[in-house]
């Protein structure tokens, strides 16, 4: 049975007040569980949003050297504060505790509060006591001491941590325990009992950690593969892990702990703050998505060289963010932003509720929606979903496809519907009136000139109506070895060559014994199978005749398959050793990560083999000259009673205004050209700041290569498309019998007869 998950996308208000420490908006009852006994005490408030209330910059030298405490927030007598260096010379150790709320100085620590050694870390504990970790090269062991006047060397506690002098970037203190981050090949934690001097090493590669008033140590650590983070809950008194959460957002970055709660900042890719269940480590409903606050993401994006983002929560429900950036002249610049909660005052009759039907909540679309709601607070959004993730959909895609098709025909869907990626075939969209015609909306679109109308043409039905629009495109292309192509005399149009031309070329190489290949890929990739799929798709749509019949069995397809069989299994067709220099084409970098990663890999590949690469469309069919594409398309339901409101939201999503929302996800490119330009500038900044920058050749050449590759991928949108998603069921209908022929399981006549009949049934259904 269909289940609906209604997930309101209004902002969430933090409402817990922590006894004796930082709190949020509502007091916690005295009999509520303490943070080490239960879950945190905050509740969701539907009509609360956050706005950017201001930013302060501090320029100069952060303490003596650089200390991670400079980035962090602390609480002092219930107020959120930061540590500020006030020394006038490079050897000074004087600091102040400054309230982030009003800028007042809460306490000053002059040089008499410190021992005469270089300290590597500061920490303000839950008892409002400041600690310093001294790691001077003059010391045999690091020293941990209170920062108070009159402290002597005898008052400090030596920490027996071998080979750690100068490599202790952070410390935390709770009761008789001190937790020190020890940096070597990895960044592990040392837990020291200050009463007996014993130490235990937690061999975790730690990204961030904090301690709470309940004696719990919380640590974000990398997995062994380093691809994601794990959140560990460790009891200091018991000396053991209590729980471990291995299902965090991909790049969780920092933690914030108070006496009443634990919060986590995740980056996946949008920065978000989540509460953590203190009993299990599970994440609760999102507190804040940075993209939901107008202007905030632009502010943070400008910090290209930042060392990370830290956050803190104050007693008035405010959220503070800190970002430190290196500066050539000033040393460091610390930027602090304040986000204030505000309550929406809306009359019930003014509220517009839009329902979105999709297999799962699309995170990137969710981000754009929250940006839209900044301008349209009257719009509330409800998600009608069946699964929790894309992976869960993939495990049940046939079931969902069948259910959704029935619901679409019955008009039992939301105002907006996810089309491609949900199981719906484009025929379901174009051949029925289940979805609204948006061609009129597109004609009146205020940024019409920024849209390439070549793409939605595949979604235009026989009646002339356009019934869906692409939101973002997933570029699908080959990389042409321009160097080899020119050496061969530039024998074909890179964006118009047919499979027949290429197979004929490969057969000549085979006859001559030339060590060249049509295509190259890395080890383990199913290149030959993927090439066959591309060949069949390039000729599939030509099978549909003007009279409605299907004639897949054509002389040119027979010839193509015969030549393919002569080449299959040879390096003339495909090589898996990755030697791009000996192949006309190579595959698009098949990596997971941000769009920019494709360009790093393309540049690295070109540099490694000493060739020039060009992004080109896959080869064409003998008759059909369009390309197979992939785009994420959305439609307005034909049964919606709020078509205008639904289109207004969808129009915002495809506009450049929604950046950085769903259009800048991991591996997609926006449909909107202005948004694409924004993405390019972002890629350029990332390229300039990356480790790869300068390592692949001259800097100017690297940037020139980046723009060249990006513009080539942009141009691929202008080539006419057959479809923006592969027809569901085509593989079993057409490709499977062809593969049996290639494996000698069927004759060519039998394979084409089976494929033709199967595809005809599909087309005529």
Foldseek 3Di string as FASTA:
>chain_A
DFDFFWDWLAFFFFPEDDVQAFGENHYDDPPDDWQLPWFFDGDGDRFKDKAWDDKDKDFFDAFQHDACQQQEWDIARQAIWGKADDDPDNQFGKIFTAGPVPRHTPDIQGRQQDDNADFQYWEQASVRWIWTWGQHPVDPAIWIATRDHPDDPVRIFGAPDPPQRVQWRYWADADQWIWTFGDDVATWIWIARRVVNDIDIDPFRFQEWYAENQQWIWTWGADPVRFATKIWIAHNVVGGTQEIGPPDQRYWHYWDDYRRFIWTWHPNPWTWIWTAISNYRDTDPTNDTQLLYPPRVVVVLVQLQWPDKYWDAGNHRKIKIWTWHQDPPRGIMIMMIIMDMDGDDDDPVLAAEFEEEAAEDDFLLSSLLSNVCVVVVSYIYTYTHRDHDLVVCVVVQVVQLVVVLVCLVVLNGIQKYWAPSRNHFLCSQAVDLQFPFCPVVLVVQPQNVQFDVLPQVLNHHPVRGRFKDFFWFQFFWKKFQVVVCVVVPVPDDQQEAALVVLLVVLVVCVVVVPQAAAEEEAPPDPVLLVLVVQNCVLQVVVQQDPVRAGRSPDPVVVVSLVSSLVCPPHVRHYYHHLQPLRHRIYGQPPDWFAQLVSLLVQLVSCLVNVTAIATYHDYHHPPRRAGATAGTMMTGGSSDPPNVVSVVSVSSSLDLSSPVGSQGHHRIHGSGNVNNVVVLVSSLSCLCVDPCQPVSDHNVVSNVSSVRRSVRSVCSSNGRHNHNHPGPPLCVLQVVLSVCCSVVNDPPVVNSVSSSVSVSVVSVD
